[in-house]
Amino acid sequence: MDDFFSAIGLVLFIEGLLFAAFPGFVRARIEDVLESTEGRMRAVGLIAACIGLGIVFYIRHAY
């Protein structure tokens, strides 16, 4: 459970840095997302989830 909360904290930290350092870029990407179709958003979400799962699997089994 500690790993889960550490991961959530890291995500919030990285997102916070992006919003603070590049607000214009983030706003433009949010507008892109709002204009995307549901199918495209699902595909991107599934790809991101698979990559994230692969990273976790690799880290857990490589060390």
C-alpha atoms as a PDB file:
ATOM      1  CA  MET A   1       0.000   0.000   0.000  1.00  0.00           C
ATOM      2  CA  ASP A   2       2.957   2.301   0.630  1.00  0.00           C
ATOM      3  CA  ASP A   3       4.024   1.860  -2.991  1.00  0.00           C
ATOM      4  CA  PHE A   4       0.562   2.844  -4.192  1.00  0.00           C
ATOM      5  CA  PHE A   5       0.546   6.091  -2.224  1.00  0.00           C
ATOM      6  CA  SER A   6       4.128   6.812  -3.296  1.00  0.00           C
ATOM      7  CA  ALA A   7       3.072   6.396  -6.922  1.00  0.00           C
ATOM      8  CA  ILE A   8       0.097   8.730  -6.461  1.00  0.00           C
ATOM      9  CA  GLY A   9       2.352  11.299  -4.815  1.00  0.00           C
ATOM     10  CA  LEU A  10       4.860  11.074  -7.655  1.00  0.00           C
ATOM     11  CA  VAL A  11       2.130  11.561 -10.272  1.00  0.00           C
ATOM     12  CA  LEU A  12       0.833  14.636  -8.448  1.00  0.00           C
ATOM     13  CA  PHE A  13       4.360  16.012  -8.115  1.00  0.00           C
ATOM     14  CA  ILE A  14       5.117  15.601 -11.828  1.00  0.00           C
ATOM     15  CA  GLU A  15       1.761  17.066 -12.893  1.00  0.00           C
ATOM     16  CA  GLY A  16       2.231  19.971 -10.506  1.00  0.00           C
ATOM     17  CA  LEU A  17       5.642  20.713 -11.984  1.00  0.00           C
ATOM     18  CA  LEU A  18       4.232  20.662 -15.511  1.00  0.00           C
ATOM     19  CA  PHE A  19       1.397  23.046 -14.588  1.00  0.00           C
ATOM     20  CA  ALA A  20       3.817  25.395 -12.803  1.00  0.00           C
ATOM     21  CA  ALA A  21       6.583  25.370 -15.415  1.00  0.00           C
ATOM     22  CA  PHE A  22       4.568  25.197 -18.666  1.00  0.00           C
ATOM     23  CA  PRO A  23       1.009  26.472 -18.107  1.00  0.00           C
ATOM     24  CA  GLY A  24       0.507  27.494 -21.747  1.00  0.00           C
ATOM     25  CA  PHE A  25       1.609  24.098 -23.030  1.00  0.00           C
ATOM     26  CA  VAL A  26      -0.655  22.297 -20.565  1.00  0.00           C
ATOM     27  CA  ARG A  27      -3.630  24.492 -21.499  1.00  0.00           C
ATOM     28  CA  ALA A  28      -3.082  23.742 -25.195  1.00  0.00           C
ATOM     29  CA  ARG A  29      -2.898  19.984 -24.512  1.00  0.00           C
ATOM     30  CA  ILE A  30      -6.103  20.144 -22.440  1.00  0.00           C
ATOM     31  CA  GLU A  31      -7.824  21.872 -25.363  1.00  0.00           C
ATOM     32  CA  ASP A  32      -6.552  19.090 -27.651  1.00  0.00           C
ATOM     33  CA  VAL A  33      -8.048  16.488 -25.325  1.00  0.00           C
ATOM     34  CA  LEU A  34     -11.398  18.290 -25.256  1.00  0.00           C
ATOM     35  CA  GLU A  35     -11.488  18.154 -29.064  1.00  0.00           C
ATOM     36  CA  SER A  36     -10.575  14.451 -29.242  1.00  0.00           C
ATOM     37  CA  THR A  37     -13.090  11.693 -29.874  1.00  0.00           C
ATOM     38  CA  GLU A  38     -13.917   9.175 -27.158  1.00  0.00           C
ATOM     39  CA  GLY A  39     -12.391   6.374 -29.203  1.00  0.00           C
ATOM     40  CA  ARG A  40      -9.071   8.165 -29.497  1.00  0.00           C
ATOM     41  CA  MET A  41      -9.049   8.977 -25.785  1.00  0.00           C
ATOM     42  CA  ARG A  42      -9.741   5.324 -24.945  1.00  0.00           C
ATOM     43  CA  ALA A  43      -6.937   4.173 -27.231  1.00  0.00           C
ATOM     44  CA  VAL A  44      -4.434   6.618 -25.748  1.00  0.00           C
ATOM     45  CA  GLY A  45      -5.530   5.682 -22.219  1.00  0.00           C
ATOM     46  CA  LEU A  46      -5.158   1.966 -22.950  1.00  0.00           C
ATOM     47  CA  ILE A  47      -1.700   2.483 -24.455  1.00  0.00           C
ATOM     48  CA  ALA A  48      -0.608   4.590 -21.455  1.00  0.00           C
ATOM     49  CA  ALA A  49      -1.961   1.974 -19.033  1.00  0.00           C
ATOM     50  CA  CYS A  50      -0.084  -0.819 -20.841  1.00  0.00           C
ATOM     51  CA  ILE A  51       3.156   1.162 -20.842  1.00  0.00           C
ATOM     52  CA  GLY A  52       2.749   1.932 -17.141  1.00  0.00           C
ATOM     53  CA  LEU A  53       2.042  -1.710 -16.344  1.00  0.00           C
ATOM     54  CA  GLY A  54       5.099  -2.724 -18.353  1.00  0.00           C
ATOM     55  CA  ILE A  55       7.294  -0.289 -16.433  1.00  0.00           C
ATOM     56  CA  VAL A  56       6.007  -1.542 -13.081  1.00  0.00           C
ATOM     57  CA  PHE A  57       6.455  -5.183 -14.155  1.00  0.00           C
ATOM     58  CA  TYR A  58      10.000  -4.486 -15.368  1.00  0.00           C
ATOM     59  CA  ILE A  59      11.020  -2.624 -12.193  1.00  0.00           C
ATOM     60  CA  ARG A  60       9.525  -5.279  -9.916  1.00  0.00           C
ATOM     61  CA  HIS A  61      11.259  -8.153 -11.727  1.00  0.00           C
ATOM     62  CA  ALA A  62      14.563  -6.548 -12.745  1.00  0.00           C
ATOM     63  CA  TYR A  63      15.787  -5.800  -9.231  1.00  0.00           C
END
